Amino acid sequence: MLLAKRFNRSNITDISLYHDDKIIRISASLSGAYKASQTVLQLEFTGKTTNAIILESDEIVLEALRHVDAQTSYRIVKVGSELLAPPPLPFTPKEYPLSDVEAFMYETCEEEEQQRLSRIKKQKLLLLQKKMQKLEKHLNQLGDEVILGEEVTQLQHYGNLVLSNLHRIKPYMK
């Protein structure tokens, strides 16, 4: 409810990374009849402490997805309390300079598609090889074609004899 109240019909004033960490801050301004209110939506993607927090402009917590008390963490996330800054990063993030982001994205997408295509090809080839082995096994189990043809002719003759003398055969007779 608070998210809808504070962010419906509001203008986004700023989107930034908080302390170059995995925290995105979206600042919004909602102009009312008498005054404008500043609200911050802080999205934290920091492992097990992932959270979404709605803050006033003076860092007071209005609402949070997960409420954290003093027993669980040093950083209390409770309605009405001030939000402390997260601990500093234990590492320095590396920057990867890209001259053309769009070309990099197309190149990465093309590589992933090629990898996926090669996996599918391997899978289908293995499936076809298994089917071929199974069919070869069945083919090897078959007898000689000439002998099988003679057997078919003989069994057809027996069948015709049985059908022509069907009136003489009593029920359940061998």
N, C-alpha and C. Protein backbone atom coordinates (compact mmCIF):
# COMPACT_ATOMS: atom_id res chain seq x y z
N MET A 1 0.83 -1.19 0.00
CA MET A 1 0.00 0.00 0.00
C MET A 1 0.87 1.25 0.00
N LEU A 2 1.91 1.22 0.85
CA LEU A 2 2.80 2.39 0.94
C LEU A 2 3.56 2.60 -0.36
N LEU A 3 3.95 1.50 -1.00
CA LEU A 3 4.65 1.61 -2.28
C LEU A 3 3.75 2.30 -3.31
N ALA A 4 2.50 1.92 -3.37
CA ALA A 4 1.56 2.55 -4.30
C ALA A 4 1.32 4.00 -3.93
N LYS A 5 1.19 4.27 -2.64
CA LYS A 5 0.92 5.64 -2.18
C LYS A 5 2.07 6.58 -2.49
N ARG A 6 3.31 6.11 -2.31
CA ARG A 6 4.48 6.98 -2.49
C ARG A 6 4.99 7.05 -3.92
N PHE A 7 4.72 6.00 -4.74
CA PHE A 7 5.35 5.97 -6.05
C PHE A 7 4.38 6.08 -7.23
N ASN A 8 3.08 5.94 -7.01
CA ASN A 8 2.13 6.18 -8.10
C ASN A 8 2.12 7.66 -8.44
N ARG A 9 2.16 7.96 -9.72
CA ARG A 9 2.16 9.34 -10.22
C ARG A 9 3.32 10.18 -9.68
N SER A 10 4.41 9.56 -9.31
CA SER A 10 5.58 10.32 -8.86
C SER A 10 6.60 10.38 -9.98
N ASN A 11 7.52 11.30 -9.87
CA ASN A 11 8.58 11.48 -10.86
C ASN A 11 9.88 10.93 -10.29
N ILE A 12 10.57 10.12 -11.06
CA ILE A 12 11.87 9.60 -10.63
C ILE A 12 12.89 10.72 -10.80
N THR A 13 13.56 11.06 -9.72
CA THR A 13 14.55 12.14 -9.77
C THR A 13 15.97 11.61 -9.91
N ASP A 14 16.23 10.39 -9.40
CA ASP A 14 17.60 9.87 -9.46
C ASP A 14 17.59 8.36 -9.30
N ILE A 15 18.47 7.69 -10.03
CA ILE A 15 18.73 6.26 -9.86
C ILE A 15 20.24 6.11 -9.75
N SER A 16 20.69 5.52 -8.67
CA SER A 16 22.14 5.43 -8.47
C SER A 16 22.52 4.17 -7.71
N LEU A 17 23.81 3.82 -7.79
CA LEU A 17 24.38 2.75 -6.99
C LEU A 17 24.83 3.35 -5.66
N TYR A 18 24.51 2.69 -4.58
CA TYR A 18 24.85 3.20 -3.25
C TYR A 18 26.22 2.67 -2.86
N HIS A 19 27.22 3.54 -2.70
CA HIS A 19 28.60 3.20 -2.33
C HIS A 19 29.21 2.17 -3.27
N ASP A 20 28.88 2.23 -4.54
CA ASP A 20 29.39 1.29 -5.56
C ASP A 20 29.21 -0.16 -5.13
N ASP A 21 28.14 -0.42 -4.42
CA ASP A 21 27.85 -1.78 -3.95
C ASP A 21 26.67 -2.32 -4.75
N LYS A 22 26.13 -3.45 -4.35
CA LYS A 22 25.00 -4.06 -5.04
C LYS A 22 23.69 -3.51 -4.50
N ILE A 23 23.63 -2.22 -4.32
CA ILE A 23 22.43 -1.56 -3.79
C ILE A 23 22.02 -0.47 -4.78
N ILE A 24 20.77 -0.56 -5.24
CA ILE A 24 20.24 0.44 -6.17
C ILE A 24 19.29 1.33 -5.40
N ARG A 25 19.47 2.64 -5.55
CA ARG A 25 18.58 3.61 -4.89
C ARG A 25 17.81 4.37 -5.97
N ILE A 26 16.50 4.32 -5.85
CA ILE A 26 15.62 5.03 -6.78
C ILE A 26 14.93 6.13 -5.99
N SER A 27 15.26 7.38 -6.29
CA SER A 27 14.66 8.52 -5.61
C SER A 27 13.50 9.04 -6.45
N ALA A 28 12.40 9.31 -5.78
CA ALA A 28 11.20 9.80 -6.47
C ALA A 28 10.62 10.98 -5.72
N SER A 29 9.98 11.85 -6.46
CA SER A 29 9.36 13.03 -5.89
C SER A 29 7.88 13.03 -6.26
N LEU A 30 7.03 13.19 -5.25
CA LEU A 30 5.59 13.24 -5.47
C LEU A 30 5.10 14.61 -5.05
N SER A 31 4.56 15.34 -6.02
CA SER A 31 4.07 16.68 -5.73
C SER A 31 2.59 16.60 -5.37
N GLY A 32 2.28 17.05 -4.15
CA GLY A 32 0.89 17.08 -3.70
C GLY A 32 0.31 18.48 -3.85
N ALA A 33 -0.86 18.70 -3.28
CA ALA A 33 -1.52 20.00 -3.37
C ALA A 33 -0.76 21.06 -2.56
N TYR A 34 -0.19 20.66 -1.42
CA TYR A 34 0.47 21.63 -0.54
C TYR A 34 1.98 21.50 -0.53
N LYS A 35 2.51 20.27 -0.69
CA LYS A 35 3.95 20.10 -0.60
C LYS A 35 4.40 18.92 -1.47
N ALA A 36 5.70 18.84 -1.68
CA ALA A 36 6.29 17.72 -2.42
C ALA A 36 7.02 16.82 -1.43
N SER A 37 6.87 15.53 -1.59
CA SER A 37 7.55 14.60 -0.69
C SER A 37 8.58 13.80 -1.47
N GLN A 38 9.72 13.62 -0.85
CA GLN A 38 10.81 12.83 -1.44
C GLN A 38 10.81 11.44 -0.80
N THR A 39 10.86 10.42 -1.63
CA THR A 39 10.87 9.03 -1.15
C THR A 39 11.96 8.28 -1.90
N VAL A 40 12.60 7.34 -1.20
CA VAL A 40 13.66 6.55 -1.80
C VAL A 40 13.29 5.07 -1.70
N LEU A 41 13.38 4.37 -2.81
CA LEU A 41 13.22 2.92 -2.83
C LEU A 41 14.62 2.34 -2.96
N GLN A 42 15.05 1.61 -1.94
CA GLN A 42 16.40 1.04 -1.91
C GLN A 42 16.28 -0.47 -2.11
N LEU A 43 16.85 -0.96 -3.19
CA LEU A 43 16.84 -2.38 -3.51
C LEU A 43 18.23 -2.94 -3.25
N GLU A 44 18.34 -3.84 -2.28
CA GLU A 44 19.63 -4.39 -1.87
C GLU A 44 19.75 -5.82 -2.38
N PHE A 45 20.77 -6.07 -3.16
CA PHE A 45 21.04 -7.40 -3.70
C PHE A 45 22.36 -7.91 -3.14
N THR A 46 22.41 -8.07 -1.84
CA THR A 46 23.67 -8.40 -1.17
C THR A 46 23.62 -9.78 -0.54
N GLY A 47 23.26 -10.79 -1.30
CA GLY A 47 23.28 -12.15 -0.80
C GLY A 47 22.10 -12.45 0.10
N LYS A 48 22.39 -12.99 1.29
CA LYS A 48 21.30 -13.42 2.17
C LYS A 48 20.55 -12.25 2.80
N THR A 49 21.09 -11.06 2.73
CA THR A 49 20.41 -9.90 3.30
C THR A 49 19.68 -9.08 2.23
N THR A 50 19.27 -9.72 1.16
CA THR A 50 18.54 -9.04 0.09
C THR A 50 17.25 -8.43 0.65
N ASN A 51 16.97 -7.19 0.25
CA ASN A 51 15.83 -6.50 0.82
C ASN A 51 15.37 -5.39 -0.12
N ALA A 52 14.16 -4.95 0.06
CA ALA A 52 13.61 -3.78 -0.61
C ALA A 52 13.07 -2.88 0.50
N ILE A 53 13.58 -1.65 0.57
CA ILE A 53 13.26 -0.75 1.68
C ILE A 53 12.77 0.57 1.11
N ILE A 54 11.66 1.07 1.68
CA ILE A 54 11.15 2.40 1.32
C ILE A 54 11.58 3.35 2.42
N LEU A 55 12.29 4.42 2.03
CA LEU A 55 12.85 5.38 2.98
C LEU A 55 12.31 6.78 2.72
N GLU A 56 12.24 7.57 3.78
CA GLU A 56 12.01 9.00 3.61
C GLU A 56 13.33 9.63 3.20
N SER A 57 13.31 10.89 2.85
CA SER A 57 14.53 11.54 2.40
C SER A 57 15.58 11.65 3.51
N ASP A 58 15.19 11.57 4.78
CA ASP A 58 16.15 11.65 5.88
C ASP A 58 16.54 10.26 6.41
N GLU A 59 16.47 9.22 5.55
CA GLU A 59 16.91 7.85 5.85
C GLU A 59 16.09 7.15 6.94
N ILE A 60 14.85 7.56 7.17
CA ILE A 60 13.97 6.89 8.12
C ILE A 60 13.17 5.83 7.35
N VAL A 61 13.14 4.61 7.88
CA VAL A 61 12.47 3.49 7.21
C VAL A 61 10.96 3.67 7.31
N LEU A 62 10.31 3.67 6.15
CA LEU A 62 8.85 3.71 6.11
C LEU A 62 8.27 2.29 6.05
N GLU A 63 8.89 1.45 5.25
CA GLU A 63 8.45 0.06 5.13
C GLU A 63 9.58 -0.74 4.50
N ALA A 64 9.58 -2.05 4.74
CA ALA A 64 10.61 -2.92 4.18
C ALA A 64 10.01 -4.28 3.85
N LEU A 65 10.63 -4.93 2.92
CA LEU A 65 10.19 -6.28 2.57
C LEU A 65 10.52 -7.24 3.70
N ARG A 66 11.73 -7.09 4.26
CA ARG A 66 12.15 -7.88 5.42
C ARG A 66 12.52 -6.94 6.55
N HIS A 67 11.91 -7.16 7.69
CA HIS A 67 12.23 -6.36 8.87
C HIS A 67 13.31 -7.10 9.66
N VAL A 68 14.36 -6.39 10.04
CA VAL A 68 15.48 -6.99 10.76
C VAL A 68 15.60 -6.32 12.12
N ASP A 69 15.69 -7.13 13.17
CA ASP A 69 15.82 -6.54 14.52
C ASP A 69 17.28 -6.56 14.97
N ALA A 70 17.54 -6.02 16.15
CA ALA A 70 18.90 -5.87 16.68
C ALA A 70 19.54 -7.21 17.01
N GLN A 71 18.76 -8.24 17.29
CA GLN A 71 19.31 -9.54 17.62
C GLN A 71 19.89 -10.24 16.40
N THR A 72 19.33 -9.98 15.24
CA THR A 72 19.75 -10.64 14.01
C THR A 72 20.95 -9.96 13.37
N SER A 73 20.98 -8.63 13.39
CA SER A 73 22.02 -7.89 12.70
C SER A 73 22.28 -6.56 13.42
N TYR A 74 23.46 -6.01 13.15
CA TYR A 74 23.76 -4.69 13.72
C TYR A 74 22.94 -3.61 13.02
N ARG A 75 22.49 -3.91 11.83
CA ARG A 75 21.77 -2.96 11.00
C ARG A 75 20.27 -3.20 11.15
N ILE A 76 19.61 -2.36 11.90
CA ILE A 76 18.18 -2.51 12.18
C ILE A 76 17.37 -1.96 11.02
N VAL A 77 16.45 -2.79 10.51
CA VAL A 77 15.52 -2.37 9.47
C VAL A 77 14.14 -2.51 10.07
N LYS A 78 13.67 -1.43 10.64
CA LYS A 78 12.41 -1.41 11.36
C LYS A 78 11.70 -0.11 11.03
N VAL A 79 10.38 -0.16 10.91
CA VAL A 79 9.61 1.04 10.58
C VAL A 79 9.84 2.10 11.65
N GLY A 80 10.19 3.30 11.21
CA GLY A 80 10.39 4.43 12.11
C GLY A 80 11.82 4.60 12.59
N SER A 81 12.71 3.63 12.32
CA SER A 81 14.10 3.76 12.76
C SER A 81 14.97 4.23 11.60
N GLU A 82 16.10 4.79 11.94
CA GLU A 82 17.02 5.27 10.92
C GLU A 82 17.82 4.10 10.37
N LEU A 83 18.02 4.08 9.07
CA LEU A 83 18.72 2.99 8.41
C LEU A 83 20.21 3.29 8.38
N LEU A 84 21.01 2.41 8.95
CA LEU A 84 22.47 2.56 8.92
C LEU A 84 23.01 2.09 7.58
N ALA A 85 24.17 2.60 7.23
CA ALA A 85 24.80 2.22 5.97
C ALA A 85 25.32 0.78 6.08
N PRO A 86 25.30 0.03 5.01
CA PRO A 86 25.84 -1.33 5.05
C PRO A 86 27.36 -1.30 5.23
N PRO A 87 27.95 -2.42 5.66
CA PRO A 87 29.40 -2.44 5.84
C PRO A 87 30.11 -2.23 4.51
N PRO A 88 31.34 -1.70 4.54
CA PRO A 88 32.05 -1.47 3.27
C PRO A 88 32.40 -2.79 2.58
N LEU A 89 32.60 -2.68 1.29
CA LEU A 89 32.93 -3.86 0.50
C LEU A 89 34.28 -4.44 0.91
N PRO A 90 34.40 -5.78 0.99
CA PRO A 90 35.70 -6.37 1.31
C PRO A 90 36.62 -6.45 0.10
N PHE A 91 36.14 -6.03 -1.05
CA PHE A 91 36.94 -6.07 -2.27
C PHE A 91 36.67 -4.82 -3.08
N THR A 92 37.51 -4.57 -4.05
CA THR A 92 37.28 -3.45 -4.95
C THR A 92 36.78 -4.00 -6.27
N PRO A 93 35.64 -3.53 -6.73
CA PRO A 93 35.11 -4.05 -8.00
C PRO A 93 35.99 -3.65 -9.17
N LYS A 94 36.13 -4.56 -10.13
CA LYS A 94 36.94 -4.29 -11.31
C LYS A 94 36.06 -3.64 -12.36
N GLU A 95 36.64 -2.73 -13.07
CA GLU A 95 35.91 -2.10 -14.17
C GLU A 95 36.36 -2.72 -15.47
N TYR A 96 35.41 -2.97 -16.33
CA TYR A 96 35.69 -3.53 -17.64
C TYR A 96 35.34 -2.47 -18.68
N PRO A 97 36.34 -1.82 -19.22
CA PRO A 97 36.03 -0.76 -20.19
C PRO A 97 35.49 -1.36 -21.49
N LEU A 98 34.37 -0.82 -21.91
CA LEU A 98 33.74 -1.25 -23.15
C LEU A 98 33.60 -0.04 -24.06
N SER A 99 34.10 -0.19 -25.26
CA SER A 99 33.99 0.92 -26.19
C SER A 99 32.59 0.96 -26.82
N ASP A 100 32.04 -0.22 -27.12
CA ASP A 100 30.72 -0.28 -27.73
C ASP A 100 29.89 -1.34 -27.00
N VAL A 101 28.99 -0.89 -26.15
CA VAL A 101 28.19 -1.79 -25.32
C VAL A 101 27.26 -2.64 -26.18
N GLU A 102 26.65 -2.04 -27.18
CA GLU A 102 25.71 -2.77 -28.03
C GLU A 102 26.41 -3.92 -28.76
N ALA A 103 27.62 -3.65 -29.29
CA ALA A 103 28.37 -4.71 -29.98
C ALA A 103 28.75 -5.81 -29.00
N PHE A 104 29.14 -5.43 -27.78
CA PHE A 104 29.47 -6.43 -26.75
C PHE A 104 28.27 -7.31 -26.43
N MET A 105 27.09 -6.70 -26.30
CA MET A 105 25.88 -7.45 -26.00
C MET A 105 25.54 -8.42 -27.14
N TYR A 106 25.64 -7.95 -28.39
CA TYR A 106 25.37 -8.83 -29.53
C TYR A 106 26.36 -9.98 -29.58
N GLU A 107 27.63 -9.68 -29.31
CA GLU A 107 28.68 -10.70 -29.33
C GLU A 107 28.43 -11.76 -28.24
N THR A 108 28.08 -11.30 -27.04
CA THR A 108 27.79 -12.22 -25.93
C THR A 108 26.58 -13.09 -26.25
N CYS A 109 25.56 -12.48 -26.80
CA CYS A 109 24.35 -13.22 -27.16
C CYS A 109 24.66 -14.27 -28.23
N GLU A 110 25.47 -13.90 -29.21
CA GLU A 110 25.84 -14.82 -30.28
C GLU A 110 26.64 -16.01 -29.72
N GLU A 111 27.56 -15.75 -28.78
CA GLU A 111 28.34 -16.83 -28.16
C GLU A 111 27.44 -17.78 -27.39
N GLU A 112 26.49 -17.23 -26.62
CA GLU A 112 25.58 -18.08 -25.86
C GLU A 112 24.69 -18.91 -26.78
N GLU A 113 24.24 -18.33 -27.88
CA GLU A 113 23.42 -19.08 -28.83
C GLU A 113 24.23 -20.21 -29.47
N GLN A 114 25.50 -19.93 -29.80
CA GLN A 114 26.35 -20.97 -30.40
C GLN A 114 26.58 -22.11 -29.41
N GLN A 115 26.81 -21.77 -28.13
CA GLN A 115 27.00 -22.81 -27.11
C GLN A 115 25.74 -23.64 -26.94
N ARG A 116 24.60 -22.99 -26.90
CA ARG A 116 23.33 -23.70 -26.75
C ARG A 116 23.07 -24.59 -27.96
N LEU A 117 23.36 -24.07 -29.14
CA LEU A 117 23.17 -24.84 -30.36
C LEU A 117 24.09 -26.07 -30.39
N SER A 118 25.34 -25.91 -29.97
CA SER A 118 26.26 -27.05 -29.95
C SER A 118 25.82 -28.09 -28.93
N ARG A 119 25.28 -27.65 -27.77
CA ARG A 119 24.77 -28.61 -26.78
C ARG A 119 23.60 -29.40 -27.35
N ILE A 120 22.70 -28.70 -28.04
CA ILE A 120 21.54 -29.37 -28.62
C ILE A 120 21.98 -30.34 -29.71
N LYS A 121 22.98 -29.94 -30.53
CA LYS A 121 23.48 -30.82 -31.58
C LYS A 121 24.07 -32.10 -30.98
N LYS A 122 24.89 -31.95 -29.93
CA LYS A 122 25.47 -33.13 -29.27
C LYS A 122 24.38 -34.04 -28.74
N GLN A 123 23.39 -33.45 -28.10
CA GLN A 123 22.30 -34.23 -27.52
C GLN A 123 21.55 -35.00 -28.62
N LYS A 124 21.24 -34.34 -29.71
CA LYS A 124 20.50 -34.99 -30.80
C LYS A 124 21.35 -36.06 -31.48
N LEU A 125 22.66 -35.81 -31.65
CA LEU A 125 23.54 -36.82 -32.24
C LEU A 125 23.61 -38.07 -31.37
N LEU A 126 23.72 -37.88 -30.07
CA LEU A 126 23.75 -39.03 -29.17
C LEU A 126 22.44 -39.81 -29.25
N LEU A 127 21.33 -39.11 -29.33
CA LEU A 127 20.03 -39.76 -29.44
C LEU A 127 19.94 -40.57 -30.73
N LEU A 128 20.40 -39.99 -31.84
CA LEU A 128 20.38 -40.69 -33.12
C LEU A 128 21.31 -41.91 -33.11
N GLN A 129 22.48 -41.78 -32.49
CA GLN A 129 23.41 -42.91 -32.41
C GLN A 129 22.80 -44.06 -31.60
N LYS A 130 22.12 -43.73 -30.51
CA LYS A 130 21.47 -44.77 -29.72
C LYS A 130 20.38 -45.47 -30.53
N LYS A 131 19.59 -44.69 -31.27
CA LYS A 131 18.54 -45.29 -32.09
C LYS A 131 19.14 -46.18 -33.17
N MET A 132 20.24 -45.73 -33.80
CA MET A 132 20.89 -46.53 -34.83
C MET A 132 21.43 -47.83 -34.25
N GLN A 133 22.04 -47.78 -33.08
CA GLN A 133 22.54 -49.00 -32.45
C GLN A 133 21.40 -49.97 -32.16
N LYS A 134 20.29 -49.44 -31.68
CA LYS A 134 19.13 -50.28 -31.37
C LYS A 134 18.57 -50.93 -32.64
N LEU A 135 18.46 -50.14 -33.72
CA LEU A 135 17.97 -50.68 -34.99
C LEU A 135 18.93 -51.71 -35.58
N GLU A 136 20.23 -51.46 -35.48
CA GLU A 136 21.22 -52.43 -35.96
C GLU A 136 21.13 -53.73 -35.17
N LYS A 137 20.91 -53.62 -33.89
CA LYS A 137 20.77 -54.82 -33.04
C LYS A 137 19.55 -55.63 -33.48
N HIS A 138 18.43 -54.96 -33.73
CA HIS A 138 17.22 -55.64 -34.20
C HIS A 138 17.45 -56.26 -35.60
N LEU A 139 18.14 -55.54 -36.45
CA LEU A 139 18.42 -56.03 -37.79
C LEU A 139 19.29 -57.28 -37.74
N ASN A 140 20.29 -57.29 -36.85
CA ASN A 140 21.18 -58.45 -36.72
C ASN A 140 20.45 -59.66 -36.14
N GLN A 141 19.40 -59.41 -35.34
CA GLN A 141 18.64 -60.51 -34.75
C GLN A 141 17.70 -61.16 -35.76
N LEU A 142 17.39 -60.45 -36.83
CA LEU A 142 16.51 -61.02 -37.85
C LEU A 142 17.24 -62.14 -38.59
N GLY A 143 16.45 -63.10 -39.05
CA GLY A 143 17.04 -64.21 -39.81
C GLY A 143 17.28 -63.81 -41.26
N ASP A 144 17.64 -64.82 -42.05
CA ASP A 144 17.89 -64.60 -43.47
C ASP A 144 16.57 -64.26 -44.17
N GLU A 145 16.63 -63.35 -45.12
CA GLU A 145 15.43 -62.85 -45.78
C GLU A 145 14.73 -63.95 -46.60
N VAL A 146 15.51 -64.80 -47.22
CA VAL A 146 14.94 -65.88 -48.05
C VAL A 146 14.20 -66.88 -47.17
N ILE A 147 14.84 -67.24 -46.02
CA ILE A 147 14.21 -68.19 -45.10
C ILE A 147 12.93 -67.59 -44.52
N LEU A 148 12.98 -66.31 -44.13
CA LEU A 148 11.79 -65.65 -43.58
C LEU A 148 10.67 -65.58 -44.62
N GLY A 149 11.02 -65.36 -45.89
CA GLY A 149 10.01 -65.32 -46.96
C GLY A 149 9.32 -66.66 -47.14
N GLU A 150 10.13 -67.75 -47.07
CA GLU A 150 9.56 -69.10 -47.19
C GLU A 150 8.63 -69.39 -46.01
N GLU A 151 9.06 -68.95 -44.81
CA GLU A 151 8.25 -69.17 -43.60
C GLU A 151 6.92 -68.41 -43.71
N VAL A 152 6.96 -67.20 -44.25
CA VAL A 152 5.74 -66.41 -44.42
C VAL A 152 4.79 -67.13 -45.38
N THR A 153 5.32 -67.65 -46.47
CA THR A 153 4.49 -68.35 -47.46
C THR A 153 3.85 -69.59 -46.83
N GLN A 154 4.63 -70.35 -46.06
CA GLN A 154 4.11 -71.56 -45.42
C GLN A 154 3.02 -71.21 -44.40
N LEU A 155 3.24 -70.16 -43.59
CA LEU A 155 2.26 -69.78 -42.58
C LEU A 155 0.98 -69.22 -43.22
N GLN A 156 1.11 -68.55 -44.36
CA GLN A 156 -0.08 -68.09 -45.08
C GLN A 156 -0.89 -69.27 -45.60
N HIS A 157 -0.20 -70.30 -46.07
CA HIS A 157 -0.88 -71.51 -46.55
C HIS A 157 -1.65 -72.17 -45.40
N TYR A 158 -1.02 -72.29 -44.22
CA TYR A 158 -1.69 -72.87 -43.05
C TYR A 158 -2.91 -72.04 -42.66
N GLY A 159 -2.78 -70.74 -42.70
CA GLY A 159 -3.90 -69.86 -42.37
C GLY A 159 -5.06 -70.04 -43.32
N ASN A 160 -4.76 -70.14 -44.61
CA ASN A 160 -5.82 -70.37 -45.61
C ASN A 160 -6.52 -71.71 -45.40
N LEU A 161 -5.74 -72.74 -45.05
CA LEU A 161 -6.33 -74.05 -44.77
C LEU A 161 -7.27 -73.99 -43.57
N VAL A 162 -6.84 -73.29 -42.52
CA VAL A 162 -7.68 -73.17 -41.33
C VAL A 162 -8.96 -72.42 -41.67
N LEU A 163 -8.86 -71.32 -42.42
CA LEU A 163 -10.05 -70.55 -42.77
C LEU A 163 -11.01 -71.34 -43.67
N SER A 164 -10.46 -72.14 -44.58
CA SER A 164 -11.33 -72.90 -45.47
C SER A 164 -12.02 -74.06 -44.75
N ASN A 165 -11.45 -74.53 -43.67
CA ASN A 165 -12.04 -75.63 -42.90
C ASN A 165 -12.55 -75.16 -41.54
N LEU A 166 -12.88 -73.94 -41.44
CA LEU A 166 -13.32 -73.36 -40.17
C LEU A 166 -14.62 -73.99 -39.68
N HIS A 167 -15.49 -74.38 -40.60
CA HIS A 167 -16.79 -74.97 -40.22
C HIS A 167 -16.60 -76.35 -39.57
N ARG A 168 -15.50 -77.02 -39.80
CA ARG A 168 -15.25 -78.35 -39.24
C ARG A 168 -14.61 -78.28 -37.86
N ILE A 169 -14.05 -77.13 -37.51
CA ILE A 169 -13.34 -77.01 -36.23
C ILE A 169 -14.36 -76.68 -35.15
N LYS A 170 -14.38 -77.49 -34.09
CA LYS A 170 -15.28 -77.27 -32.98
C LYS A 170 -14.66 -76.28 -32.01
N PRO A 171 -15.50 -75.58 -31.21
CA PRO A 171 -14.94 -74.61 -30.26
C PRO A 171 -13.92 -75.24 -29.30
N TYR A 172 -12.85 -74.55 -29.04
CA TYR A 172 -11.78 -74.95 -28.11
C TYR A 172 -11.05 -76.20 -28.59
N MET A 173 -11.10 -76.50 -29.83
CA MET A 173 -10.41 -77.66 -30.38
C MET A 173 -9.00 -77.25 -30.76
N LYS A 174 -8.04 -78.17 -30.59
CA LYS A 174 -6.65 -77.87 -30.95
C LYS A 174 -6.41 -78.23 -32.40
